[in-house]
């Protein structure tokens, strides 16, 4: 298995982040620093990242209803809590994509770097849906401007549900501002086939095998 994929498989980081760690000289194989992400390795190769042995671990996927003020990071050096602190797991989990600290709702955590990469890479076009409360009622003209880059529902005059396939930084907030309105509250309600449902804010639950299988299916566009 390629070194970068092996690190992702072992839950060290996503595939792209693993490649960055390798390029930075933070990964060794058999005691020797390796900077080639394509280096072939297996469980007997004595792979280490930052001096710590890397071995496969059971993979988990969790869903969290993130409250406002919680950061979408594996570790938070400041005063705010990191989203992984809301999950009762011994695995090295990290977020799949991001939510702004002031946004709420569904965020996935996993130690499966390959799945995380597929769910977030633009190539696979995995949908995310958001419920947005606006400062002012949306006009018909504003709603029409969303139809090209996003799917739109309007449950009420000041609430929109937007579905997009890329999770760029503060993308939904910028889209709302671009049509002349303002976000009061933003919550992600769906990621791929996984709905937030009735999960209480601040709580987490581990996904079941059928749910994880649906995530993989969503991240394989040729199987849709």
N, C-alpha and C. Protein backbone atom coordinates (compact mmCIF):
# COMPACT_ATOMS: atom_id res chain seq x y z
N UNK A 1 0.84 -1.19 0.00
CA UNK A 1 0.00 0.00 0.00
C UNK A 1 0.88 1.25 0.00
N UNK A 2 0.46 2.27 -0.75
CA UNK A 2 1.22 3.53 -0.76
C UNK A 2 1.25 4.13 0.64
N UNK A 3 2.38 4.78 0.95
CA UNK A 3 2.58 5.31 2.29
C UNK A 3 1.48 6.28 2.69
N UNK A 4 1.13 7.22 1.80
CA UNK A 4 0.10 8.20 2.13
C UNK A 4 -1.24 7.51 2.41
N UNK A 5 -1.57 6.53 1.62
CA UNK A 5 -2.83 5.80 1.82
C UNK A 5 -2.77 5.02 3.12
N UNK A 6 -1.60 4.44 3.44
CA UNK A 6 -1.44 3.68 4.68
C UNK A 6 -1.68 4.58 5.90
N UNK A 7 -1.11 5.79 5.88
CA UNK A 7 -1.32 6.73 6.99
C UNK A 7 -2.80 7.07 7.14
N UNK A 8 -3.47 7.29 5.99
CA UNK A 8 -4.90 7.59 6.04
C UNK A 8 -5.67 6.38 6.55
N UNK A 9 -5.30 5.20 6.10
CA UNK A 9 -5.96 3.97 6.52
C UNK A 9 -5.83 3.75 8.02
N UNK A 10 -4.70 4.17 8.58
CA UNK A 10 -4.45 3.99 10.00
C UNK A 10 -5.04 5.10 10.86
N UNK A 11 -5.67 6.08 10.23
CA UNK A 11 -6.33 7.12 10.98
C UNK A 11 -5.44 8.27 11.41
N UNK A 12 -4.24 8.38 10.81
CA UNK A 12 -3.33 9.47 11.18
C UNK A 12 -3.85 10.79 10.65
N UNK A 13 -4.32 10.79 9.41
CA UNK A 13 -4.80 12.02 8.77
C UNK A 13 -5.49 11.64 7.48
N UNK A 14 -6.13 12.62 6.84
CA UNK A 14 -6.69 12.38 5.52
C UNK A 14 -5.54 12.14 4.53
N UNK A 15 -5.88 11.65 3.34
CA UNK A 15 -4.84 11.36 2.35
C UNK A 15 -4.03 12.61 2.01
N UNK A 16 -4.71 13.72 1.79
CA UNK A 16 -3.99 14.95 1.43
C UNK A 16 -3.11 15.44 2.59
N UNK A 17 -3.65 15.37 3.80
CA UNK A 17 -2.85 15.79 4.95
C UNK A 17 -1.68 14.85 5.18
N UNK A 18 -1.86 13.56 4.93
CA UNK A 18 -0.78 12.60 5.05
C UNK A 18 0.36 12.92 4.09
N UNK A 19 0.00 13.32 2.88
CA UNK A 19 1.03 13.69 1.90
C UNK A 19 1.83 14.90 2.38
N UNK A 20 1.15 15.82 3.04
CA UNK A 20 1.85 16.99 3.59
C UNK A 20 2.82 16.58 4.71
N UNK A 21 2.39 15.67 5.57
CA UNK A 21 3.25 15.19 6.65
C UNK A 21 4.49 14.51 6.09
N UNK A 22 4.31 13.72 5.05
CA UNK A 22 5.44 13.02 4.42
C UNK A 22 6.40 14.02 3.81
N UNK A 23 5.87 14.98 3.08
CA UNK A 23 6.72 15.99 2.43
C UNK A 23 7.50 16.80 3.44
N UNK A 24 6.94 16.97 4.63
CA UNK A 24 7.61 17.75 5.68
C UNK A 24 8.67 16.94 6.43
N UNK A 25 8.86 15.69 6.05
CA UNK A 25 9.87 14.87 6.70
C UNK A 25 9.48 14.37 8.08
N UNK A 26 8.18 14.27 8.33
CA UNK A 26 7.71 13.86 9.65
C UNK A 26 7.35 12.38 9.73
N UNK A 27 7.63 11.64 8.64
CA UNK A 27 7.28 10.22 8.58
C UNK A 27 8.53 9.41 8.28
N UNK A 28 8.69 8.30 9.00
CA UNK A 28 9.83 7.42 8.76
C UNK A 28 9.34 6.00 8.52
N UNK A 29 10.15 5.25 7.76
CA UNK A 29 9.89 3.84 7.48
C UNK A 29 11.15 3.06 7.82
N UNK A 30 11.05 2.13 8.74
CA UNK A 30 12.22 1.36 9.14
C UNK A 30 13.33 2.21 9.70
N UNK A 31 12.97 3.32 10.36
CA UNK A 31 13.96 4.19 10.97
C UNK A 31 14.53 5.26 10.05
N UNK A 32 14.13 5.27 8.77
CA UNK A 32 14.64 6.24 7.81
C UNK A 32 13.52 7.19 7.37
N UNK A 33 13.81 8.49 7.38
CA UNK A 33 12.83 9.47 6.93
C UNK A 33 12.50 9.25 5.47
N UNK A 34 11.23 9.28 5.14
CA UNK A 34 10.77 9.06 3.77
C UNK A 34 9.93 10.26 3.35
N UNK A 35 10.20 10.77 2.15
CA UNK A 35 9.44 11.91 1.63
C UNK A 35 8.64 11.56 0.38
N UNK A 36 8.62 10.28 0.02
CA UNK A 36 7.89 9.82 -1.15
C UNK A 36 6.56 9.22 -0.71
N UNK A 37 5.42 9.87 -1.01
CA UNK A 37 4.13 9.35 -0.57
C UNK A 37 3.75 8.04 -1.24
N UNK A 38 4.45 7.69 -2.34
CA UNK A 38 4.13 6.46 -3.06
C UNK A 38 4.94 5.26 -2.56
N UNK A 39 5.78 5.46 -1.57
CA UNK A 39 6.57 4.35 -1.01
C UNK A 39 5.64 3.22 -0.58
N UNK A 40 5.96 2.01 -0.99
CA UNK A 40 5.14 0.86 -0.64
C UNK A 40 5.45 0.41 0.79
N UNK A 41 4.41 0.25 1.60
CA UNK A 41 4.58 -0.17 2.99
C UNK A 41 3.45 -1.13 3.37
N UNK A 42 3.65 -1.81 4.50
CA UNK A 42 2.59 -2.62 5.09
C UNK A 42 2.77 -2.59 6.60
N UNK A 43 2.06 -3.44 7.31
CA UNK A 43 2.10 -3.41 8.77
C UNK A 43 3.46 -3.78 9.34
N UNK A 44 4.30 -4.44 8.54
CA UNK A 44 5.62 -4.85 9.02
C UNK A 44 6.71 -3.83 8.70
N UNK A 45 6.34 -2.67 8.15
CA UNK A 45 7.34 -1.70 7.67
C UNK A 45 7.85 -0.75 8.74
N UNK A 46 7.36 -0.85 9.95
CA UNK A 46 7.79 0.03 11.05
C UNK A 46 7.63 1.50 10.68
N UNK A 47 6.39 1.86 10.30
CA UNK A 47 6.08 3.25 9.93
C UNK A 47 5.86 4.06 11.21
N UNK A 48 6.45 5.26 11.23
CA UNK A 48 6.24 6.18 12.34
C UNK A 48 5.90 7.57 11.80
N UNK A 49 5.04 8.27 12.52
CA UNK A 49 4.71 9.66 12.21
C UNK A 49 5.01 10.49 13.44
N UNK A 50 5.88 11.48 13.29
CA UNK A 50 6.32 12.29 14.43
C UNK A 50 6.89 11.41 15.55
N UNK A 51 7.56 10.34 15.15
CA UNK A 51 8.22 9.46 16.10
C UNK A 51 7.35 8.43 16.76
N UNK A 52 6.05 8.42 16.44
CA UNK A 52 5.13 7.46 17.06
C UNK A 52 4.77 6.37 16.06
N UNK A 53 4.77 5.11 16.50
CA UNK A 53 4.43 4.01 15.59
C UNK A 53 3.02 4.17 15.02
N UNK A 54 2.89 3.82 13.75
CA UNK A 54 1.60 3.91 13.06
C UNK A 54 1.12 2.49 12.76
N UNK A 55 0.00 2.13 13.31
CA UNK A 55 -0.58 0.82 13.07
C UNK A 55 -2.07 0.97 12.79
N UNK A 56 -2.63 0.05 12.02
CA UNK A 56 -4.06 0.13 11.73
C UNK A 56 -4.89 0.02 13.00
N UNK A 57 -6.02 0.72 13.03
CA UNK A 57 -6.95 0.63 14.14
C UNK A 57 -8.35 0.50 13.58
N UNK A 58 -9.27 -0.07 14.34
CA UNK A 58 -10.65 -0.17 13.86
C UNK A 58 -11.18 1.19 13.46
N UNK A 59 -11.84 1.24 12.33
CA UNK A 59 -12.32 2.53 11.84
C UNK A 59 -13.71 2.83 12.37
N UNK A 60 -13.92 4.10 12.70
CA UNK A 60 -15.20 4.56 13.23
C UNK A 60 -15.63 5.83 12.50
N UNK A 61 -16.93 6.03 12.43
CA UNK A 61 -17.50 7.28 11.94
C UNK A 61 -18.56 7.72 12.94
N UNK A 62 -18.48 8.95 13.36
CA UNK A 62 -19.44 9.53 14.32
C UNK A 62 -20.11 10.74 13.69
N UNK A 63 -21.33 10.98 14.10
CA UNK A 63 -22.00 12.23 13.76
C UNK A 63 -22.19 13.03 15.04
N UNK A 64 -22.00 14.35 14.92
CA UNK A 64 -22.11 15.26 16.06
C UNK A 64 -23.04 16.40 15.67
N UNK A 65 -23.88 16.83 16.59
CA UNK A 65 -24.64 18.06 16.42
C UNK A 65 -23.85 19.16 17.12
N UNK A 66 -23.04 19.86 16.34
CA UNK A 66 -22.09 20.83 16.91
C UNK A 66 -22.80 22.10 17.37
N UNK A 67 -22.58 22.50 18.63
CA UNK A 67 -23.11 23.79 19.08
C UNK A 67 -22.24 24.94 18.56
N UNK A 68 -22.77 26.14 18.66
CA UNK A 68 -21.97 27.33 18.35
C UNK A 68 -20.85 27.47 19.37
N UNK A 69 -19.71 27.98 18.91
CA UNK A 69 -18.57 28.19 19.80
C UNK A 69 -17.61 27.04 19.87
N UNK A 70 -17.97 25.89 19.29
CA UNK A 70 -17.10 24.72 19.24
C UNK A 70 -16.36 24.73 17.91
N UNK A 71 -15.05 24.50 17.94
CA UNK A 71 -14.27 24.54 16.71
C UNK A 71 -14.25 23.17 16.03
N UNK A 72 -14.20 23.19 14.70
CA UNK A 72 -14.17 21.95 13.91
C UNK A 72 -12.74 21.47 13.73
N UNK A 73 -12.10 21.15 14.85
CA UNK A 73 -10.71 20.72 14.82
C UNK A 73 -10.55 19.50 15.72
N UNK A 74 -9.41 18.79 15.51
CA UNK A 74 -9.10 17.66 16.38
C UNK A 74 -8.54 18.13 17.71
N UNK A 75 -7.85 19.26 17.69
CA UNK A 75 -7.30 19.86 18.91
C UNK A 75 -7.46 21.36 18.82
N UNK A 76 -7.72 22.01 19.93
CA UNK A 76 -7.91 23.45 19.96
C UNK A 76 -6.98 24.06 20.99
N UNK A 77 -5.94 24.79 20.53
CA UNK A 77 -4.98 25.35 21.47
C UNK A 77 -5.50 26.52 22.29
N UNK A 78 -6.61 27.12 21.87
CA UNK A 78 -7.15 28.27 22.58
C UNK A 78 -8.12 27.86 23.67
N UNK A 79 -9.02 28.77 24.01
CA UNK A 79 -9.95 28.54 25.11
C UNK A 79 -11.19 27.77 24.67
N UNK A 80 -11.51 27.80 23.39
CA UNK A 80 -12.71 27.11 22.92
C UNK A 80 -12.48 25.60 22.84
N UNK A 81 -13.57 24.85 22.98
CA UNK A 81 -13.49 23.40 22.91
C UNK A 81 -13.43 22.95 21.45
N UNK A 82 -12.79 21.81 21.23
CA UNK A 82 -12.75 21.20 19.91
C UNK A 82 -13.87 20.17 19.80
N UNK A 83 -14.37 19.98 18.59
CA UNK A 83 -15.53 19.12 18.39
C UNK A 83 -15.25 17.68 18.80
N UNK A 84 -14.01 17.22 18.69
CA UNK A 84 -13.72 15.83 19.07
C UNK A 84 -13.94 15.60 20.56
N UNK A 85 -13.95 16.64 21.36
CA UNK A 85 -14.18 16.49 22.79
C UNK A 85 -15.62 16.08 23.11
N UNK A 86 -16.50 16.17 22.11
CA UNK A 86 -17.89 15.80 22.31
C UNK A 86 -18.14 14.32 22.06
N UNK A 87 -17.10 13.59 21.64
CA UNK A 87 -17.25 12.19 21.25
C UNK A 87 -16.52 11.30 22.25
N UNK A 88 -17.20 10.27 22.71
CA UNK A 88 -16.63 9.32 23.67
C UNK A 88 -15.99 8.16 22.90
N UNK A 89 -14.77 8.38 22.41
CA UNK A 89 -14.06 7.36 21.65
C UNK A 89 -12.58 7.44 21.95
N UNK A 90 -11.91 6.30 21.92
CA UNK A 90 -10.46 6.26 22.14
C UNK A 90 -9.70 6.39 20.82
N UNK A 91 -10.40 6.44 19.70
CA UNK A 91 -9.74 6.51 18.40
C UNK A 91 -9.25 7.93 18.11
N UNK A 92 -8.32 8.03 17.17
CA UNK A 92 -7.78 9.33 16.76
C UNK A 92 -8.69 9.92 15.69
N UNK A 93 -9.77 10.51 16.13
CA UNK A 93 -10.77 11.04 15.22
C UNK A 93 -10.42 12.46 14.79
N UNK A 94 -10.87 12.81 13.60
CA UNK A 94 -10.74 14.19 13.14
C UNK A 94 -11.94 14.52 12.26
N UNK A 95 -12.26 15.81 12.12
CA UNK A 95 -13.48 16.21 11.41
C UNK A 95 -13.38 15.95 9.91
N UNK A 96 -14.52 15.62 9.32
CA UNK A 96 -14.65 15.52 7.87
C UNK A 96 -15.12 16.88 7.38
N UNK A 97 -14.20 17.68 6.85
CA UNK A 97 -14.55 19.06 6.49
C UNK A 97 -14.66 19.93 7.73
N UNK A 98 -15.29 21.08 7.56
CA UNK A 98 -15.35 22.04 8.66
C UNK A 98 -16.72 22.69 8.74
N UNK A 99 -17.01 23.19 9.92
CA UNK A 99 -18.10 24.13 10.15
C UNK A 99 -17.50 25.31 10.90
N UNK A 100 -17.90 26.53 10.54
CA UNK A 100 -17.42 27.69 11.27
C UNK A 100 -17.76 27.54 12.75
N UNK A 101 -16.96 28.17 13.60
CA UNK A 101 -17.21 28.10 15.04
C UNK A 101 -18.60 28.63 15.39
N UNK A 102 -19.09 29.63 14.64
CA UNK A 102 -20.39 30.21 14.95
C UNK A 102 -21.54 29.51 14.23
N UNK A 103 -21.24 28.45 13.45
CA UNK A 103 -22.28 27.64 12.82
C UNK A 103 -22.54 26.40 13.66
N UNK A 104 -23.71 25.80 13.46
CA UNK A 104 -24.10 24.63 14.24
C UNK A 104 -24.46 23.49 13.30
N UNK A 105 -24.77 22.35 13.91
CA UNK A 105 -25.33 21.27 13.13
C UNK A 105 -24.40 20.10 12.89
N UNK A 106 -24.71 19.35 11.85
CA UNK A 106 -24.10 18.06 11.58
C UNK A 106 -22.66 18.17 11.12
N UNK A 107 -21.78 17.47 11.83
CA UNK A 107 -20.41 17.31 11.38
C UNK A 107 -20.02 15.86 11.64
N UNK A 108 -19.31 15.27 10.70
CA UNK A 108 -18.86 13.89 10.82
C UNK A 108 -17.43 13.86 11.33
N UNK A 109 -17.12 12.88 12.16
CA UNK A 109 -15.77 12.64 12.65
C UNK A 109 -15.40 11.20 12.32
N UNK A 110 -14.15 10.98 11.93
CA UNK A 110 -13.73 9.62 11.60
C UNK A 110 -12.22 9.48 11.75
N UNK A 111 -11.77 8.23 11.80
CA UNK A 111 -10.35 7.93 11.70
C UNK A 111 -10.05 7.23 10.39
N UNK A 112 -11.00 7.25 9.46
CA UNK A 112 -10.84 6.65 8.14
C UNK A 112 -10.48 7.76 7.15
N UNK A 113 -9.20 7.95 6.91
CA UNK A 113 -8.75 9.04 6.05
C UNK A 113 -9.20 8.91 4.63
N UNK A 114 -9.31 7.68 4.12
CA UNK A 114 -9.76 7.49 2.73
C UNK A 114 -11.21 7.92 2.57
N UNK A 115 -12.05 7.55 3.51
CA UNK A 115 -13.45 7.98 3.44
C UNK A 115 -13.55 9.49 3.57
N UNK A 116 -12.80 10.08 4.51
CA UNK A 116 -12.83 11.53 4.69
C UNK A 116 -12.43 12.25 3.41
N UNK A 117 -11.40 11.74 2.73
CA UNK A 117 -10.94 12.36 1.50
C UNK A 117 -12.02 12.31 0.42
N UNK A 118 -12.67 11.18 0.29
CA UNK A 118 -13.71 11.05 -0.73
C UNK A 118 -14.91 11.95 -0.43
N UNK A 119 -15.27 12.06 0.83
CA UNK A 119 -16.44 12.86 1.19
C UNK A 119 -16.22 14.35 0.98
N UNK A 120 -14.96 14.80 1.06
CA UNK A 120 -14.68 16.23 0.97
C UNK A 120 -14.10 16.67 -0.37
N UNK A 121 -13.60 15.74 -1.19
CA UNK A 121 -12.97 16.12 -2.45
C UNK A 121 -14.04 16.56 -3.45
N UNK A 122 -13.85 17.72 -4.11
CA UNK A 122 -14.86 18.21 -5.06
C UNK A 122 -15.18 17.23 -6.18
N UNK A 123 -14.24 16.37 -6.51
CA UNK A 123 -14.45 15.40 -7.59
C UNK A 123 -15.69 14.54 -7.37
N UNK A 124 -15.98 14.22 -6.10
CA UNK A 124 -17.05 13.29 -5.81
C UNK A 124 -18.40 13.96 -5.61
N UNK A 125 -18.41 15.27 -5.44
CA UNK A 125 -19.65 16.02 -5.41
C UNK A 125 -20.65 15.57 -4.36
N UNK A 126 -20.17 15.24 -3.16
CA UNK A 126 -21.08 14.81 -2.09
C UNK A 126 -21.86 16.02 -1.57
N UNK A 127 -23.16 15.90 -1.52
CA UNK A 127 -24.00 17.04 -1.15
C UNK A 127 -23.99 17.32 0.35
N UNK A 128 -24.09 18.61 0.68
CA UNK A 128 -24.33 19.05 2.06
C UNK A 128 -25.51 20.00 2.04
N UNK A 129 -26.38 19.88 3.02
CA UNK A 129 -27.55 20.77 3.09
C UNK A 129 -27.49 21.60 4.37
N UNK A 130 -27.90 22.86 4.25
CA UNK A 130 -27.85 23.81 5.36
C UNK A 130 -29.19 24.51 5.50
N UNK A 131 -29.59 24.75 6.74
CA UNK A 131 -30.76 25.58 7.02
C UNK A 131 -30.27 26.95 7.47
N UNK A 132 -30.71 27.99 6.78
CA UNK A 132 -30.21 29.34 7.00
C UNK A 132 -31.35 30.26 7.40
N UNK A 133 -31.23 30.91 8.54
CA UNK A 133 -32.17 31.96 8.92
C UNK A 133 -31.57 33.30 8.51
N UNK A 134 -32.37 34.08 7.76
CA UNK A 134 -31.88 35.32 7.16
C UNK A 134 -32.27 36.54 7.99
N UNK A 135 -31.52 37.61 7.79
CA UNK A 135 -31.83 38.88 8.43
C UNK A 135 -33.13 39.45 7.88
N UNK A 136 -33.34 39.30 6.59
CA UNK A 136 -34.54 39.81 5.92
C UNK A 136 -35.16 38.70 5.08
N UNK A 137 -36.44 38.79 4.85
CA UNK A 137 -37.12 37.80 4.01
C UNK A 137 -36.47 37.75 2.63
N UNK A 138 -36.26 36.54 2.12
CA UNK A 138 -35.64 36.39 0.80
C UNK A 138 -36.63 36.78 -0.29
N UNK A 139 -36.17 37.54 -1.26
CA UNK A 139 -37.01 37.90 -2.40
C UNK A 139 -36.94 36.78 -3.44
N UNK A 140 -37.90 36.79 -4.36
CA UNK A 140 -37.89 35.80 -5.44
C UNK A 140 -36.63 35.92 -6.27
N UNK A 141 -36.18 37.15 -6.48
CA UNK A 141 -34.96 37.36 -7.27
C UNK A 141 -33.75 36.74 -6.57
N UNK A 142 -33.67 36.88 -5.26
CA UNK A 142 -32.56 36.28 -4.52
C UNK A 142 -32.60 34.76 -4.62
N UNK A 143 -33.78 34.18 -4.47
CA UNK A 143 -33.90 32.73 -4.56
C UNK A 143 -33.49 32.23 -5.93
N UNK A 144 -33.90 32.92 -6.98
CA UNK A 144 -33.55 32.49 -8.34
C UNK A 144 -32.04 32.51 -8.55
N UNK A 145 -31.36 33.45 -7.91
CA UNK A 145 -29.90 33.53 -8.09
C UNK A 145 -29.18 32.34 -7.46
N UNK A 146 -29.83 31.61 -6.57
CA UNK A 146 -29.21 30.44 -5.95
C UNK A 146 -29.36 29.18 -6.77
N UNK A 147 -30.24 29.15 -7.74
CA UNK A 147 -30.58 27.89 -8.38
C UNK A 147 -29.43 27.29 -9.19
N UNK A 148 -28.52 28.12 -9.69
CA UNK A 148 -27.40 27.56 -10.46
C UNK A 148 -26.37 26.86 -9.58
N UNK A 149 -25.82 27.54 -8.55
CA UNK A 149 -24.78 26.86 -7.76
C UNK A 149 -25.33 25.98 -6.64
N UNK A 150 -26.66 26.05 -6.39
CA UNK A 150 -27.18 25.33 -5.23
C UNK A 150 -28.63 24.97 -5.44
N UNK A 151 -29.06 23.89 -4.76
CA UNK A 151 -30.47 23.58 -4.68
C UNK A 151 -31.08 24.39 -3.55
N UNK A 152 -32.30 24.88 -3.73
CA UNK A 152 -32.90 25.79 -2.74
C UNK A 152 -34.32 25.37 -2.41
N UNK A 153 -34.65 25.36 -1.12
CA UNK A 153 -36.01 25.28 -0.62
C UNK A 153 -36.24 26.49 0.28
N UNK A 154 -37.49 26.96 0.34
CA UNK A 154 -37.80 28.09 1.20
C UNK A 154 -38.96 27.71 2.11
N UNK A 155 -38.68 27.11 3.27
CA UNK A 155 -39.76 26.72 4.19
C UNK A 155 -40.56 27.91 4.71
N UNK A 156 -39.91 29.08 4.83
CA UNK A 156 -40.60 30.29 5.27
C UNK A 156 -39.85 31.48 4.67
N UNK A 157 -40.45 32.69 4.72
CA UNK A 157 -39.82 33.83 4.05
C UNK A 157 -38.39 34.11 4.50
N UNK A 158 -38.07 33.87 5.77
CA UNK A 158 -36.72 34.18 6.27
C UNK A 158 -35.85 32.94 6.47
N UNK A 159 -36.33 31.79 5.99
CA UNK A 159 -35.55 30.56 6.14
C UNK A 159 -35.36 29.90 4.78
N UNK A 160 -34.11 29.59 4.46
CA UNK A 160 -33.77 28.86 3.25
C UNK A 160 -33.07 27.57 3.62
N UNK A 161 -33.26 26.54 2.81
CA UNK A 161 -32.46 25.33 2.90
C UNK A 161 -31.68 25.19 1.60
N UNK A 162 -30.36 25.29 1.72
CA UNK A 162 -29.46 25.27 0.56
C UNK A 162 -28.71 23.95 0.53
N UNK A 163 -28.59 23.38 -0.66
CA UNK A 163 -27.81 22.16 -0.87
C UNK A 163 -26.70 22.45 -1.86
N UNK A 164 -25.46 22.20 -1.44
CA UNK A 164 -24.29 22.45 -2.28
C UNK A 164 -23.42 21.20 -2.28
N UNK A 165 -22.45 21.17 -3.20
CA UNK A 165 -21.58 20.00 -3.30
C UNK A 165 -20.13 20.31 -2.99
N UNK A 166 -19.83 21.53 -2.57
CA UNK A 166 -18.49 21.87 -2.14
C UNK A 166 -18.57 22.57 -0.79
N UNK A 167 -17.57 22.32 0.05
CA UNK A 167 -17.59 22.89 1.39
C UNK A 167 -16.49 23.91 1.62
N UNK A 168 -16.34 24.84 0.69
CA UNK A 168 -15.29 25.86 0.85
C UNK A 168 -15.58 26.76 2.05
N UNK A 169 -14.53 27.40 2.55
CA UNK A 169 -14.61 28.18 3.78
C UNK A 169 -15.70 29.25 3.69
N UNK A 170 -16.66 29.18 4.62
CA UNK A 170 -17.74 30.17 4.75
C UNK A 170 -18.51 30.35 3.44
N UNK A 171 -18.63 29.28 2.67
CA UNK A 171 -19.23 29.38 1.35
C UNK A 171 -20.69 29.82 1.41
N UNK A 172 -21.48 29.21 2.29
CA UNK A 172 -22.90 29.55 2.34
C UNK A 172 -23.09 31.00 2.78
N UNK A 173 -22.32 31.44 3.76
CA UNK A 173 -22.43 32.83 4.21
C UNK A 173 -22.08 33.79 3.08
N UNK A 174 -21.06 33.46 2.30
CA UNK A 174 -20.68 34.34 1.18
C UNK A 174 -21.76 34.35 0.10
N UNK A 175 -22.39 33.20 -0.13
CA UNK A 175 -23.46 33.14 -1.12
C UNK A 175 -24.63 34.03 -0.71
N UNK A 176 -24.98 33.99 0.58
CA UNK A 176 -26.09 34.82 1.06
C UNK A 176 -25.73 36.30 0.94
N UNK A 177 -24.53 36.65 1.32
CA UNK A 177 -24.09 38.05 1.24
C UNK A 177 -24.06 38.51 -0.21
N UNK A 178 -23.71 37.61 -1.13
CA UNK A 178 -23.60 37.99 -2.54
C UNK A 178 -24.94 38.38 -3.16
N UNK A 179 -26.05 37.89 -2.60
CA UNK A 179 -27.36 38.27 -3.14
C UNK A 179 -28.00 39.40 -2.34
N UNK A 180 -27.24 39.96 -1.39
CA UNK A 180 -27.72 41.14 -0.68
C UNK A 180 -28.49 40.86 0.59
N UNK A 181 -28.24 39.69 1.20
CA UNK A 181 -28.90 39.39 2.46
C UNK A 181 -27.84 39.05 3.51
N UNK A 182 -28.26 38.59 4.67
CA UNK A 182 -27.32 38.34 5.76
C UNK A 182 -27.77 37.13 6.58
N UNK A 183 -26.82 36.33 7.00
CA UNK A 183 -27.12 35.14 7.80
C UNK A 183 -27.26 35.52 9.27
N UNK A 184 -28.36 35.09 9.87
CA UNK A 184 -28.54 35.23 11.32
C UNK A 184 -28.13 33.93 12.02
N UNK A 185 -28.50 32.80 11.43
CA UNK A 185 -28.17 31.50 12.01
C UNK A 185 -27.98 30.51 10.88
N UNK A 186 -26.96 29.65 11.02
CA UNK A 186 -26.62 28.68 9.98
C UNK A 186 -26.40 27.32 10.62
N UNK A 187 -27.10 26.32 10.13
CA UNK A 187 -26.95 24.96 10.65
C UNK A 187 -26.88 23.97 9.50
N UNK A 188 -25.90 23.06 9.54
CA UNK A 188 -25.87 21.98 8.56
C UNK A 188 -26.83 20.89 9.02
N UNK A 189 -27.70 20.44 8.12
CA UNK A 189 -28.71 19.46 8.47
C UNK A 189 -28.52 18.13 7.76
N UNK A 190 -27.63 18.08 6.77
CA UNK A 190 -27.39 16.82 6.06
C UNK A 190 -25.99 16.82 5.47
N UNK A 191 -25.34 15.66 5.51
CA UNK A 191 -24.05 15.46 4.83
C UNK A 191 -24.18 14.15 4.07
N UNK A 192 -24.19 14.24 2.73
CA UNK A 192 -24.43 13.06 1.93
C UNK A 192 -25.76 12.43 2.31
N UNK A 193 -25.79 11.12 2.61
CA UNK A 193 -27.05 10.46 2.96
C UNK A 193 -27.40 10.55 4.44
N UNK A 194 -26.56 11.21 5.24
CA UNK A 194 -26.76 11.26 6.69
C UNK A 194 -27.48 12.55 7.08
N UNK A 195 -28.65 12.40 7.71
CA UNK A 195 -29.43 13.53 8.19
C UNK A 195 -29.17 13.77 9.67
N UNK A 196 -29.23 15.02 10.07
CA UNK A 196 -29.06 15.36 11.49
C UNK A 196 -30.16 14.75 12.33
N UNK A 197 -31.37 14.75 11.80
CA UNK A 197 -32.49 14.15 12.50
C UNK A 197 -32.75 14.81 13.85
N UNK A 198 -33.02 14.00 14.87
CA UNK A 198 -33.38 14.50 16.20
C UNK A 198 -32.21 14.49 17.17
N UNK A 199 -30.98 14.34 16.67
CA UNK A 199 -29.82 14.31 17.56
C UNK A 199 -29.72 15.65 18.31
N UNK A 200 -29.73 15.63 19.64
CA UNK A 200 -29.69 16.89 20.38
C UNK A 200 -28.38 17.65 20.18
N UNK A 201 -28.45 18.97 20.31
CA UNK A 201 -27.25 19.78 20.17
C UNK A 201 -26.23 19.40 21.25
N UNK A 202 -24.97 19.26 20.82
CA UNK A 202 -23.91 18.90 21.74
C UNK A 202 -23.73 17.41 21.92
N UNK A 203 -24.59 16.60 21.29
CA UNK A 203 -24.52 15.16 21.43
C UNK A 203 -23.92 14.51 20.18
N UNK A 204 -23.48 13.26 20.34
CA UNK A 204 -22.87 12.51 19.25
C UNK A 204 -23.35 11.08 19.29
N UNK A 205 -23.31 10.42 18.14
CA UNK A 205 -23.55 8.98 18.10
C UNK A 205 -22.71 8.36 16.99
N UNK A 206 -22.32 7.12 17.22
CA UNK A 206 -21.52 6.40 16.23
C UNK A 206 -22.43 5.88 15.12
N UNK A 207 -21.99 6.04 13.88
CA UNK A 207 -22.79 5.56 12.75
C UNK A 207 -22.74 4.04 12.69
N UNK A 208 -23.86 3.46 12.27
CA UNK A 208 -23.95 2.03 12.09
C UNK A 208 -23.39 1.63 10.72
N UNK A 209 -23.07 0.35 10.58
CA UNK A 209 -22.46 -0.13 9.34
C UNK A 209 -23.26 0.24 8.09
N UNK A 210 -24.59 0.05 8.07
CA UNK A 210 -25.34 0.43 6.87
C UNK A 210 -25.22 1.92 6.53
N UNK A 211 -25.14 2.77 7.55
CA UNK A 211 -24.99 4.20 7.30
C UNK A 211 -23.62 4.50 6.69
N UNK A 212 -22.58 3.82 7.17
CA UNK A 212 -21.24 4.02 6.61
C UNK A 212 -21.20 3.51 5.18
N UNK A 213 -21.87 2.41 4.90
CA UNK A 213 -21.92 1.90 3.54
C UNK A 213 -22.60 2.89 2.61
N UNK A 214 -23.63 3.58 3.09
CA UNK A 214 -24.29 4.59 2.27
C UNK A 214 -23.37 5.78 2.01
N UNK A 215 -22.54 6.14 3.00
CA UNK A 215 -21.57 7.21 2.79
C UNK A 215 -20.60 6.84 1.69
N UNK A 216 -20.07 5.60 1.72
CA UNK A 216 -19.15 5.15 0.67
C UNK A 216 -19.83 5.17 -0.70
N UNK A 217 -21.09 4.77 -0.73
CA UNK A 217 -21.81 4.77 -2.01
C UNK A 217 -21.96 6.17 -2.55
N UNK A 218 -22.24 7.13 -1.67
CA UNK A 218 -22.38 8.52 -2.10
C UNK A 218 -21.06 9.08 -2.62
N UNK A 219 -19.96 8.54 -2.10
CA UNK A 219 -18.64 9.03 -2.49
C UNK A 219 -18.06 8.27 -3.69
N UNK A 220 -18.89 7.46 -4.35
CA UNK A 220 -18.49 6.76 -5.57
C UNK A 220 -19.46 7.16 -6.67
N UNK A 221 -19.18 8.26 -7.37
CA UNK A 221 -20.15 8.79 -8.33
C UNK A 221 -20.52 7.82 -9.43
N UNK A 222 -19.63 6.88 -9.77
CA UNK A 222 -19.92 5.94 -10.85
C UNK A 222 -20.94 4.90 -10.43
N UNK A 223 -21.27 4.84 -9.12
CA UNK A 223 -22.22 3.85 -8.63
C UNK A 223 -23.58 4.48 -8.33
N UNK A 224 -23.73 5.76 -8.57
CA UNK A 224 -24.99 6.41 -8.25
C UNK A 224 -26.05 6.03 -9.28
